[in-house]
Amino acid sequence: MRKTKIITLVTTCIGLVTIISQTAATYLQPQKTANIPHKIEKDSAYLDTRSASEILYEEIGLAGKLKFEAFDKAMIGYENLEFKNKDIITVIDFTLPSTEKRMHVIDMKNKKVLYNTIVSHGRNSGEKYATSFSNRHGSFQSSLGFYTTENTYMGGNGYSLVLHGLEKGINDQAKPRAVVIHGADYCSQSVINATGRLGRSYGCPALPREVNKPIINTIKNGTMVFIYAEDPSYLASSKILKKSTNTLLAQRDVINDIDSAYSTY
């Protein structure tokens, strides 16, 4: 009898210990919560602080050829404007002297540079550098901003390409001013060697004769042309450039906020 009671007591104690252990395990195990995200690994894409423009800039291999600032601004118009052909874009960087290759024709679909050549600016925009710009008739100055290409024709300067300015008050008089892409003898390395700079146009982005036709045939009929300079007036007044809200700085701020929030868990 005494032995039976002892066995019963031991069995009861073992049962109580088992129940307590199971209960403790239930309450002490990590709880899954839907509203607390797991910490992102450091090599996650969320921590890639490069903008879409920076990634594309690297993929095309534009470093050392085209300034990132010019390409980045061009991408704002490329994303926000409609073009008949978005596979090809042209960027002209007038922050560079006329002795350098300032025109870049880029194949966006295949991510490669098709042409990189010298290009003339308007005679009243400056000597070696283009520093003054105008939309006014008779100014003989270049106009900055976004354009779309139209038709070709044979004119006084030979095979030429019509440009349609897309920015009101900035370059919308390009067509009435007959600002077109054409070839010119004064746009050549021999002129640079002789004078220290290119010859200048009446406002047209003039090209070397030998590449004029192939470039025009590549970019005609609805591609984007962007003429860039670090001109405070243009940068402040361009409504197209103001459409950029997803800047690299804004992206980095968001990423830093997310990372900080996750690091608290």
Protein backbone atom coordinates (compact mmCIF):
# COMPACT_ATOMS: atom_id res chain seq x y z
CA MET A 1 0.00 0.00 0.00
CA ARG A 2 2.75 2.37 1.01
CA LYS A 3 4.71 1.41 -2.12
CA THR A 4 1.67 2.07 -4.33
CA LYS A 5 1.21 5.57 -2.90
CA ILE A 6 4.87 6.38 -3.55
CA ILE A 7 4.60 5.24 -7.16
CA THR A 8 1.43 7.31 -7.65
CA LEU A 9 3.09 10.39 -6.17
CA VAL A 10 6.16 10.04 -8.41
CA THR A 11 3.98 9.62 -11.50
CA THR A 12 1.98 12.72 -10.60
CA CYS A 13 5.17 14.78 -10.13
CA ILE A 14 6.56 13.66 -13.49
CA GLY A 15 3.30 14.66 -15.13
CA LEU A 16 3.35 18.10 -13.53
CA VAL A 17 6.97 18.67 -14.60
CA THR A 18 6.09 17.71 -18.20
CA ILE A 19 3.12 20.11 -18.29
CA ILE A 20 5.19 22.96 -16.83
CA SER A 21 8.00 22.35 -19.35
CA GLN A 22 5.60 22.35 -22.30
CA THR A 23 3.89 25.52 -21.08
CA ALA A 24 7.21 27.30 -20.57
CA ALA A 25 8.38 26.27 -24.06
CA THR A 26 5.21 27.67 -25.57
CA TYR A 27 5.58 31.07 -23.94
CA LEU A 28 9.33 31.38 -24.29
CA GLN A 29 9.67 30.52 -27.98
CA PRO A 30 10.15 33.48 -30.43
CA GLN A 31 6.82 34.85 -31.58
CA LYS A 32 6.20 35.37 -35.31
CA THR A 33 4.74 38.80 -36.00
CA ALA A 34 3.53 39.95 -39.38
CA ASN A 35 4.19 43.61 -38.74
CA ILE A 36 7.88 43.42 -37.73
CA PRO A 37 10.08 42.91 -40.79
CA HIS A 38 13.25 40.87 -40.51
CA LYS A 39 16.48 42.83 -40.74
CA ILE A 40 17.67 43.16 -44.35
CA GLU A 41 21.07 41.66 -45.09
CA LYS A 42 23.80 44.19 -45.86
CA ASP A 43 24.24 42.90 -49.41
CA SER A 44 20.54 43.32 -50.17
CA ALA A 45 19.40 45.36 -53.18
CA TYR A 46 17.58 47.63 -50.75
CA LEU A 47 20.96 49.02 -49.71
CA ASP A 48 22.17 49.72 -53.25
CA THR A 49 22.36 53.50 -53.14
CA ARG A 50 22.87 53.92 -56.88
CA SER A 51 20.11 55.62 -58.83
CA ALA A 52 18.63 54.07 -61.98
CA SER A 53 20.59 56.66 -63.98
CA GLU A 54 23.86 55.67 -62.31
CA ILE A 55 23.29 51.99 -63.03
CA LEU A 56 22.45 52.67 -66.68
CA TYR A 57 25.39 55.08 -66.99
CA GLU A 58 27.73 52.30 -65.87
CA GLU A 59 26.10 49.65 -68.06
CA ILE A 60 26.50 51.79 -71.19
CA GLY A 61 30.11 52.57 -70.27
CA LEU A 62 29.81 56.36 -70.38
CA ALA A 63 32.42 57.14 -67.74
CA GLY A 64 35.18 59.24 -69.28
CA LYS A 65 33.01 59.99 -72.31
CA LEU A 66 29.93 61.84 -71.07
CA LYS A 67 29.56 63.65 -67.76
CA PHE A 68 27.10 61.93 -65.44
CA GLU A 69 25.34 65.24 -64.70
CA ALA A 70 24.45 65.65 -68.38
CA PHE A 71 23.25 62.04 -68.70
CA ASP A 72 21.27 62.23 -65.46
CA LYS A 73 19.41 65.35 -66.65
CA ALA A 74 18.79 63.72 -70.04
CA MET A 75 17.14 60.76 -68.29
CA ILE A 76 14.57 63.07 -66.71
CA GLY A 77 13.27 64.07 -70.12
CA TYR A 78 13.62 60.54 -71.45
CA GLU A 79 11.34 59.23 -68.68
CA ASN A 80 8.82 62.08 -68.69
CA LEU A 81 8.41 62.90 -72.39
CA GLU A 82 6.89 60.93 -75.25
CA PHE A 83 9.07 60.14 -78.26
CA LYS A 84 8.25 58.17 -81.36
CA ASN A 85 11.52 56.28 -81.06
CA LYS A 86 12.98 55.83 -77.57
CA ASP A 87 15.67 53.36 -78.63
CA ILE A 88 18.08 56.16 -79.60
CA ILE A 89 18.95 59.38 -77.75
CA THR A 90 21.45 62.18 -78.41
CA VAL A 91 23.12 64.17 -75.65
CA ILE A 92 25.21 67.26 -76.40
CA ASP A 93 27.27 68.52 -73.46
CA PHE A 94 28.10 72.20 -73.87
CA THR A 95 29.98 72.31 -70.58
CA LEU A 96 32.92 71.03 -72.64
CA PRO A 97 35.02 73.13 -75.05
CA SER A 98 34.39 72.78 -78.78
CA THR A 99 37.71 70.98 -79.14
CA GLU A 100 36.28 67.93 -77.36
CA LYS A 101 33.73 65.38 -78.52
CA ARG A 102 30.53 66.84 -77.08
CA MET A 103 27.87 64.90 -79.01
CA HIS A 104 26.92 61.39 -77.91
CA VAL A 105 24.45 59.22 -79.83
CA ILE A 106 23.39 56.37 -77.57
CA ASP A 107 21.58 53.13 -78.33
CA MET A 108 19.40 52.74 -75.23
CA LYS A 109 18.07 49.34 -76.28
CA ASN A 110 21.48 47.72 -76.66
CA LYS A 111 23.21 50.00 -74.14
CA LYS A 112 26.08 51.26 -76.24
CA VAL A 113 27.45 54.50 -77.73
CA LEU A 114 26.98 54.66 -81.49
CA TYR A 115 28.68 58.00 -82.18
CA ASN A 116 30.84 60.36 -80.15
CA THR A 117 31.90 63.42 -82.12
CA ILE A 118 32.71 67.11 -82.08
CA VAL A 119 29.83 69.53 -82.63
CA SER A 120 29.72 73.30 -83.20
CA HIS A 121 27.69 75.83 -81.22
CA GLY A 122 26.22 79.22 -82.22
CA ARG A 123 28.69 81.99 -82.97
CA ASN A 124 27.21 84.35 -80.33
CA SER A 125 27.15 81.63 -77.67
CA GLY A 126 30.88 81.95 -77.10
CA GLU A 127 34.31 81.26 -78.53
CA LYS A 128 35.80 77.94 -77.43
CA TYR A 129 33.05 77.40 -74.86
CA ALA A 130 29.30 77.95 -75.26
CA THR A 131 28.27 80.15 -72.36
CA SER A 132 25.31 82.19 -73.66
CA PHE A 133 22.05 80.77 -74.97
CA SER A 134 18.91 82.18 -76.54
CA ASN A 135 15.58 81.27 -78.09
CA ARG A 136 15.39 84.63 -79.85
CA HIS A 137 15.37 85.11 -83.62
CA GLY A 138 18.57 86.69 -84.92
CA SER A 139 20.53 85.86 -81.75
CA PHE A 140 22.81 83.38 -83.56
CA GLN A 141 23.03 81.52 -80.24
CA SER A 142 22.45 77.89 -79.38
CA SER A 143 19.35 76.87 -77.43
CA LEU A 144 19.48 74.38 -74.57
CA GLY A 145 16.97 71.72 -73.60
CA PHE A 146 14.97 68.85 -75.03
CA TYR A 147 14.11 68.38 -78.68
CA THR A 148 12.56 65.71 -80.84
CA THR A 149 13.94 65.05 -84.30
CA GLU A 150 11.69 65.31 -87.35
CA ASN A 151 12.26 64.97 -91.11
CA THR A 152 15.36 65.38 -93.23
CA TYR A 153 15.82 67.68 -96.24
CA MET A 154 18.46 69.00 -98.61
CA GLY A 155 19.19 72.66 -97.89
CA GLY A 156 21.90 75.26 -98.23
CA ASN A 157 24.08 73.24 -95.84
CA GLY A 158 23.36 69.94 -97.56
CA TYR A 159 21.67 67.01 -95.86
CA SER A 160 19.94 68.40 -92.76
CA LEU A 161 17.66 67.31 -89.94
CA VAL A 162 14.75 69.36 -88.55
CA LEU A 163 14.65 69.82 -84.77
CA HIS A 164 11.45 70.54 -82.84
CA GLY A 165 12.07 72.29 -79.50
CA LEU A 166 9.93 70.93 -76.66
CA GLU A 167 10.52 73.63 -74.04
CA LYS A 168 8.39 76.74 -74.36
CA GLY A 169 10.37 79.95 -74.04
CA ILE A 170 13.63 78.01 -74.06
CA ASN A 171 13.94 76.31 -77.46
CA ASP A 172 10.46 76.29 -79.03
CA GLN A 173 11.62 78.74 -81.72
CA ALA A 174 14.22 76.32 -83.04
CA LYS A 175 12.19 75.34 -86.10
CA PRO A 176 11.20 78.93 -87.03
CA ARG A 177 14.85 79.94 -86.54
CA ALA A 178 15.93 77.08 -88.84
CA VAL A 179 18.08 75.58 -86.09
CA VAL A 180 18.83 72.16 -87.58
CA ILE A 181 21.51 69.51 -87.54
CA HIS A 182 23.74 69.73 -90.62
CA GLY A 183 27.29 69.20 -91.77
CA ALA A 184 29.84 72.02 -91.97
CA ASP A 185 33.43 72.42 -93.14
CA TYR A 186 34.17 74.60 -90.09
CA CYS A 187 33.39 71.63 -87.83
CA SER A 188 36.56 69.58 -88.26
CA GLN A 189 39.76 68.62 -86.52
CA SER A 190 41.74 70.64 -89.06
CA VAL A 191 39.95 73.82 -87.97
CA ILE A 192 40.70 72.99 -84.34
CA ASN A 193 44.36 72.48 -85.23
CA ALA A 194 44.49 75.80 -87.05
CA THR A 195 42.50 78.04 -84.70
CA GLY A 196 42.38 76.27 -81.34
CA ARG A 197 38.59 75.83 -81.52
CA LEU A 198 35.81 74.88 -83.91
CA GLY A 199 34.14 77.28 -86.26
CA ARG A 200 30.66 78.36 -85.17
CA SER A 201 27.17 78.26 -86.64
CA TYR A 202 24.14 80.55 -86.61
CA GLY A 203 22.79 78.47 -83.72
CA CYS A 204 22.75 75.00 -85.25
CA PRO A 205 24.53 71.97 -83.78
CA ALA A 206 26.74 71.48 -86.86
CA LEU A 207 28.67 68.24 -87.43
CA PRO A 208 31.75 67.12 -89.35
CA ARG A 209 30.83 66.36 -92.98
CA GLU A 210 31.99 62.75 -92.81
CA VAL A 211 29.62 61.75 -89.97
CA ASN A 212 26.73 64.10 -90.70
CA LYS A 213 24.68 61.77 -92.89
CA PRO A 214 25.10 58.55 -90.86
CA ILE A 215 24.27 60.37 -87.62
CA ILE A 216 21.21 62.07 -89.11
CA ASN A 217 19.97 58.76 -90.52
CA THR A 218 20.39 57.18 -87.09
CA ILE A 219 18.55 59.83 -85.08
CA LYS A 220 15.88 61.11 -87.51
CA ASN A 221 12.11 60.65 -87.17
CA GLY A 222 11.27 61.05 -83.51
CA THR A 223 14.28 60.47 -81.27
CA MET A 224 15.28 62.63 -78.30
CA VAL A 225 18.01 65.26 -78.46
CA PHE A 226 19.13 66.95 -75.24
CA ILE A 227 21.51 69.93 -75.29
CA TYR A 228 22.98 70.52 -71.84
CA ALA A 229 25.00 73.22 -70.12
CA GLU A 230 25.41 74.28 -66.51
CA ASP A 231 23.38 77.40 -67.22
CA PRO A 232 21.59 78.66 -64.07
CA SER A 233 18.77 80.27 -66.05
CA TYR A 234 17.95 77.09 -67.94
CA LEU A 235 18.26 74.80 -64.92
CA ALA A 236 15.92 77.06 -62.96
CA SER A 237 13.31 77.56 -65.68
CA SER A 238 13.06 74.12 -67.31
CA LYS A 239 9.68 72.62 -66.36
CA ILE A 240 10.83 69.25 -67.65
CA LEU A 241 13.79 69.06 -65.28
CA LYS A 242 11.50 69.98 -62.39
CA LYS A 243 9.55 66.76 -62.97
CA SER A 244 12.32 64.79 -61.33
CA THR A 245 11.13 63.72 -57.86
CA ASN A 246 13.02 60.46 -57.46
CA THR A 247 16.46 61.95 -57.01
CA LEU A 248 19.46 60.00 -55.79
CA LEU A 249 19.49 62.00 -52.55
CA ALA A 250 15.82 61.21 -51.92
CA GLN A 251 16.45 57.50 -52.60
CA ARG A 252 19.35 57.45 -50.16
CA ASP A 253 17.24 59.16 -47.46
CA VAL A 254 14.50 56.55 -47.83
CA ILE A 255 17.02 53.70 -47.80
CA ASN A 256 18.73 55.07 -44.69
CA ASP A 257 15.38 55.44 -42.93
CA ILE A 258 14.44 51.84 -43.76
CA ASP A 259 17.80 50.50 -42.63
CA SER A 260 17.62 52.47 -39.37
CA ALA A 261 14.13 51.18 -38.66
CA TYR A 262 15.10 47.57 -39.32
CA SER A 263 18.24 47.80 -37.20
CA THR A 264 16.12 48.42 -34.10
CA TYR A 265 14.66 44.90 -34.28
